[in-house]
Amino acid sequence: MRIDKVKEIGQQLNIIRNKGRQEFLETSPNNFSKIIHDYSDNKKGFIIWKNMLEERIL
C-alpha cells in the first residue's frame, strides 16, 4: 500500500472520530460503500451482512 493511501485512510478515520459517521458519509468518499445490517433477525442478519462484506472484498 502506498504511503499516500495510508494517509488518506488516516484522514478519513479522523473525520469519523472527530465529526461522526454521518459527516463522513456526507463527504461521498471514493471506493466506499455502505452495507446495511438488518437487525430484525440477529443470527440471519449477521450472516447476510458478512456475505455482503465478503462479496465486496473479493
C-alpha atoms as a PDB file:
ATOM      1  CA  MET A   1       0.000   0.000   0.000  1.00  0.00           C
ATOM      2  CA  ARG A   2       1.353   3.380  -0.887  1.00  0.00           C
ATOM      3  CA  ILE A   3       2.009   5.930   1.837  1.00  0.00           C
ATOM      4  CA  ASP A   4      -0.479   8.392   0.315  1.00  0.00           C
ATOM      5  CA  LYS A   5      -3.261   5.816   0.608  1.00  0.00           C
ATOM      6  CA  VAL A   6      -2.366   5.230   4.265  1.00  0.00           C
ATOM      7  CA  LYS A   7      -2.544   8.993   4.888  1.00  0.00           C
ATOM      8  CA  GLU A   8      -5.917   9.176   3.116  1.00  0.00           C
ATOM      9  CA  ILE A   9      -7.316   6.388   5.291  1.00  0.00           C
ATOM     10  CA  GLY A  10      -5.972   8.164   8.379  1.00  0.00           C
ATOM     11  CA  GLN A  11      -7.714  11.379   7.349  1.00  0.00           C
ATOM     12  CA  GLN A  12     -10.976   9.526   6.809  1.00  0.00           C
ATOM     13  CA  LEU A  13     -10.726   7.857  10.212  1.00  0.00           C
ATOM     14  CA  ASN A  14     -10.115  11.254  11.808  1.00  0.00           C
ATOM     15  CA  ILE A  15     -13.308  12.611  10.233  1.00  0.00           C
ATOM     16  CA  ILE A  16     -15.223   9.684  11.716  1.00  0.00           C
ATOM     17  CA  ARG A  17     -13.596  10.128  15.147  1.00  0.00           C
ATOM     18  CA  ASN A  18     -13.988  13.889  15.317  1.00  0.00           C
ATOM     19  CA  LYS A  19     -17.219  14.558  13.445  1.00  0.00           C
ATOM     20  CA  GLY A  20     -19.023  11.207  13.327  1.00  0.00           C
ATOM     21  CA  ARG A  21     -20.036   8.639  10.744  1.00  0.00           C
ATOM     22  CA  GLN A  22     -22.786  10.741   9.190  1.00  0.00           C
ATOM     23  CA  GLU A  23     -20.379  13.595   8.448  1.00  0.00           C
ATOM     24  CA  PHE A  24     -18.010  11.104   6.820  1.00  0.00           C
ATOM     25  CA  LEU A  25     -20.791   9.620   4.696  1.00  0.00           C
ATOM     26  CA  GLU A  26     -21.812  13.083   3.516  1.00  0.00           C
ATOM     27  CA  THR A  27     -18.338  13.625   2.017  1.00  0.00           C
ATOM     28  CA  SER A  28     -19.097  10.874  -0.552  1.00  0.00           C
ATOM     29  CA  PRO A  29     -15.758   9.104  -0.104  1.00  0.00           C
ATOM     30  CA  ASN A  30     -14.210   7.284  -3.078  1.00  0.00           C
ATOM     31  CA  ASN A  31     -14.180   3.484  -3.053  1.00  0.00           C
ATOM     32  CA  PHE A  32     -16.620   3.341  -0.154  1.00  0.00           C
ATOM     33  CA  SER A  33     -19.887   1.512   0.028  1.00  0.00           C
ATOM     34  CA  LYS A  34     -22.222   1.074   2.955  1.00  0.00           C
ATOM     35  CA  ILE A  35     -23.597  -2.316   3.920  1.00  0.00           C
ATOM     36  CA  ILE A  36     -26.917  -2.186   5.738  1.00  0.00           C
ATOM     37  CA  HIS A  37     -27.273  -4.633   8.637  1.00  0.00           C
ATOM     38  CA  ASP A  38     -30.787  -5.998   9.134  1.00  0.00           C
ATOM     39  CA  TYR A  39     -31.307  -6.237  12.894  1.00  0.00           C
ATOM     40  CA  SER A  40     -34.697  -7.962  12.694  1.00  0.00           C
ATOM     41  CA  ASP A  41     -33.128 -11.434  12.966  1.00  0.00           C
ATOM     42  CA  ASN A  42     -29.853 -11.411  14.928  1.00  0.00           C
ATOM     43  CA  LYS A  43     -28.386 -14.635  13.554  1.00  0.00           C
ATOM     44  CA  LYS A  44     -29.561 -14.353   9.957  1.00  0.00           C
ATOM     45  CA  GLY A  45     -28.882 -10.608   9.807  1.00  0.00           C
ATOM     46  CA  PHE A  46     -25.223 -11.108  10.656  1.00  0.00           C
ATOM     47  CA  ILE A  47     -24.801 -13.905   8.108  1.00  0.00           C
ATOM     48  CA  ILE A  48     -26.293 -11.751   5.338  1.00  0.00           C
ATOM     49  CA  TRP A  49     -24.112  -8.775   6.367  1.00  0.00           C
ATOM     50  CA  LYS A  50     -20.988 -10.966   6.426  1.00  0.00           C
ATOM     51  CA  ASN A  51     -21.745 -12.434   2.998  1.00  0.00           C
ATOM     52  CA  MET A  52     -22.269  -8.969   1.501  1.00  0.00           C
ATOM     53  CA  LEU A  53     -18.977  -7.791   3.020  1.00  0.00           C
ATOM     54  CA  GLU A  54     -17.114 -10.795   1.628  1.00  0.00           C
ATOM     55  CA  GLU A  55     -18.574 -10.163  -1.846  1.00  0.00           C
ATOM     56  CA  ARG A  56     -17.242  -6.620  -1.852  1.00  0.00           C
ATOM     57  CA  ILE A  57     -13.817  -7.596  -0.548  1.00  0.00           C
ATOM     58  CA  LEU A  58     -13.268 -10.165  -3.295  1.00  0.00           C
END
